[in-house]
Protein backbone atom coordinates (compact mmCIF):
# COMPACT_ATOMS: atom_id res chain seq x y z
CA MET A 1 0.87 128.97 -36.25
CA ARG A 2 -1.93 131.04 -34.75
CA THR A 3 -3.57 129.90 -31.57
CA PRO A 4 -7.34 129.73 -32.04
CA ILE A 5 -9.41 131.81 -29.64
CA THR A 6 -11.36 129.56 -27.33
CA ILE A 7 -14.95 130.26 -26.37
CA HIS A 8 -13.78 130.92 -22.81
CA ALA A 9 -11.23 133.52 -24.00
CA ALA A 10 -13.80 135.17 -26.26
CA LEU A 11 -16.33 135.39 -23.42
CA LEU A 12 -13.69 136.81 -21.10
CA ALA A 13 -12.79 139.45 -23.69
CA LEU A 14 -16.44 140.35 -24.18
CA ALA A 15 -17.01 140.58 -20.42
CA LEU A 16 -13.99 142.86 -20.04
CA CYS A 17 -15.23 145.13 -22.80
CA LEU A 18 -18.77 145.26 -21.43
CA GLY A 19 -17.48 145.72 -17.91
CA ALA A 20 -15.64 148.77 -19.17
CA GLY A 21 -18.87 150.06 -20.62
CA GLY A 22 -17.68 149.01 -24.06
CA ALA A 23 -15.06 151.72 -23.71
CA ILE A 24 -12.36 152.04 -26.26
CA ALA A 25 -9.46 154.04 -24.89
CA ALA A 26 -8.99 157.22 -26.85
CA ASP A 27 -6.77 160.23 -26.56
CA PRO A 28 -9.29 162.95 -25.70
CA GLN A 29 -7.06 165.73 -26.96
CA GLY A 30 -6.43 163.98 -30.27
CA VAL A 31 -2.70 164.56 -29.78
CA THR A 32 -0.45 162.75 -32.22
CA VAL A 33 3.04 161.61 -31.34
CA ALA A 34 4.40 164.44 -33.48
CA ASP A 35 2.77 166.98 -31.15
CA ALA A 36 3.28 165.07 -27.91
CA SER A 37 4.84 166.64 -24.86
CA PRO A 38 5.66 164.50 -21.82
CA ALA A 39 2.34 165.57 -20.25
CA ASP A 40 0.49 164.30 -23.35
CA LEU A 41 1.86 160.82 -22.69
CA ALA A 42 -0.01 160.59 -19.39
CA CYS A 43 -2.25 157.59 -18.82
CA GLN A 44 -6.00 158.19 -18.69
CA HIS A 45 -6.62 154.83 -16.93
CA SER A 46 -3.92 153.18 -14.84
CA GLY A 47 -5.50 149.73 -15.28
CA ASN A 48 -4.66 149.55 -18.99
CA CYS A 49 -1.70 151.87 -19.40
CA VAL A 50 1.89 152.42 -18.34
CA ASN A 51 4.30 155.22 -19.19
CA SER A 52 7.73 156.61 -18.40
CA ILE A 53 6.46 159.98 -17.16
CA VAL A 54 5.06 159.36 -13.69
CA PRO A 55 7.14 158.38 -10.64
CA ASP A 56 5.51 154.92 -10.37
CA GLY A 57 5.87 154.30 -14.10
CA LEU A 58 8.75 152.63 -15.90
CA ALA A 59 12.11 154.24 -16.65
CA PRO A 60 12.47 155.99 -20.01
CA LEU A 61 14.73 154.43 -22.64
CA ALA A 62 18.19 156.01 -22.50
CA PHE A 63 20.57 156.45 -25.44
CA THR A 64 23.75 158.37 -26.16
CA GLY A 65 24.43 160.50 -29.20
CA PRO A 66 22.06 162.31 -31.54
CA ALA A 67 18.31 161.70 -31.80
CA THR A 68 18.91 159.66 -34.97
CA ARG A 69 20.84 157.16 -32.84
CA GLY A 70 17.89 156.89 -30.45
CA LEU A 71 15.56 156.28 -33.38
CA GLU A 72 17.89 153.62 -34.82
CA LEU A 73 17.92 151.77 -31.48
CA LEU A 74 14.16 152.07 -31.21
CA LEU A 75 13.62 150.66 -34.71
CA ALA A 76 16.10 147.83 -34.13
CA THR A 77 14.29 146.86 -30.93
CA LEU A 78 10.91 146.98 -32.64
CA LYS A 79 12.16 144.49 -35.24
CA THR A 80 12.45 141.92 -32.43
CA PHE A 81 8.68 142.16 -31.84
CA PRO A 82 6.86 140.57 -34.80
CA GLU A 83 3.51 141.67 -33.35
CA ALA A 84 4.47 145.36 -33.73
CA THR A 85 3.33 147.57 -36.61
CA ILE A 86 4.48 151.16 -37.00
CA GLU A 87 1.42 153.36 -37.55
CA GLN A 88 3.08 156.78 -37.54
CA SER A 89 6.68 157.88 -37.83
CA VAL A 90 7.93 161.42 -37.35
CA PRO A 91 11.49 162.65 -36.79
CA LEU A 92 11.18 162.55 -32.99
CA GLY A 93 8.55 159.91 -32.43
CA LEU A 94 6.71 156.75 -33.36
CA THR A 95 3.25 155.35 -32.80
CA VAL A 96 3.25 151.57 -32.81
CA ILE A 97 0.39 149.06 -32.56
CA PHE A 98 1.09 145.74 -30.84
CA THR A 99 -1.46 143.00 -31.56
CA THR A 100 -1.73 140.24 -28.96
CA LYS A 101 -2.33 136.58 -29.78
CA LEU A 102 -5.97 137.06 -28.84
CA GLY A 103 -6.28 139.98 -31.25
CA PHE A 104 -6.26 142.82 -28.71
CA LYS A 105 -4.49 145.97 -29.86
CA ASP A 106 -2.24 148.11 -27.68
CA GLN A 107 -0.82 151.45 -28.77
CA VAL A 108 2.65 152.57 -27.78
CA ASP A 109 3.68 156.17 -28.37
CA PHE A 110 7.41 156.85 -28.25
CA ARG A 111 8.78 160.42 -28.00
CA ILE A 112 12.50 161.10 -28.40
CA ASP A 113 13.97 163.89 -26.26
CA PRO A 114 17.31 164.72 -27.93
CA GLN A 115 18.53 167.07 -25.17
CA ALA A 116 17.91 164.57 -22.36
CA GLN A 117 18.95 161.63 -24.56
CA ARG A 118 15.90 159.64 -23.55
CA ILE A 119 12.83 158.16 -25.14
CA ASP A 120 9.60 158.54 -23.21
CA PHE A 121 6.69 156.24 -23.93
CA ARG A 122 3.06 155.49 -23.17
CA SER A 123 1.73 151.99 -23.74
CA ARG A 124 -2.04 151.57 -23.51
CA SER A 125 -4.78 149.17 -24.45
CA LEU A 126 -7.14 150.39 -27.13
CA LEU A 127 -10.02 148.31 -25.76
CA GLY A 128 -11.27 148.14 -22.19
CA LEU A 129 -9.99 149.56 -18.94
CA TYR A 130 -7.86 146.65 -17.70
CA ASP A 131 -5.05 144.78 -19.42
CA PHE A 132 -3.92 142.20 -16.81
CA GLY A 133 -0.50 143.92 -16.72
CA LYS A 134 0.25 143.22 -20.40
CA ASN A 135 1.44 146.74 -21.27
CA ARG A 136 3.73 146.91 -18.24
CA SER A 137 5.26 143.48 -18.90
CA ARG A 138 5.71 144.23 -22.62
CA MET A 139 7.45 147.53 -21.94
CA ARG A 140 9.72 145.92 -19.33
CA GLU A 141 10.74 143.36 -21.96
CA PHE A 142 11.06 146.13 -24.56
CA SER A 143 13.37 148.08 -22.23
CA ARG A 144 15.48 144.98 -21.62
CA ARG A 145 15.92 144.37 -25.35
CA PHE A 146 16.57 148.08 -26.01
CA GLU A 147 19.48 148.05 -23.54
CA GLN A 148 21.19 145.07 -25.23
């Protein structure tokens, strides 16, 4: 059952968007996950983004074995999130859109590093400059499920 958006929630969403100048977060370089280096997964705005690259970010996802094993674990974890839709899949990466109950869309880019046996990520809101900590909390939960 979907929760209807209340007028208060809709006004809050509109105010956030307008307060951000109507900004929609975009990757200025147009880098896709297939081309991504760790530096490409940097956050443009810390208020709506979290990643595993910077010291104050979250830990990358660790796996053992070949890159295919990392991808298998990633896909299995994604299946536990019904709000996730895979937008792009390449041998060493995924771009996933998470849609919140209020209809906001967040993009998570995963990049598998086979040599380091880790998966780096960037999770960012596609609308506005502040996400009330949603990306950070989602990726903490994602990491917890990935480790199980």
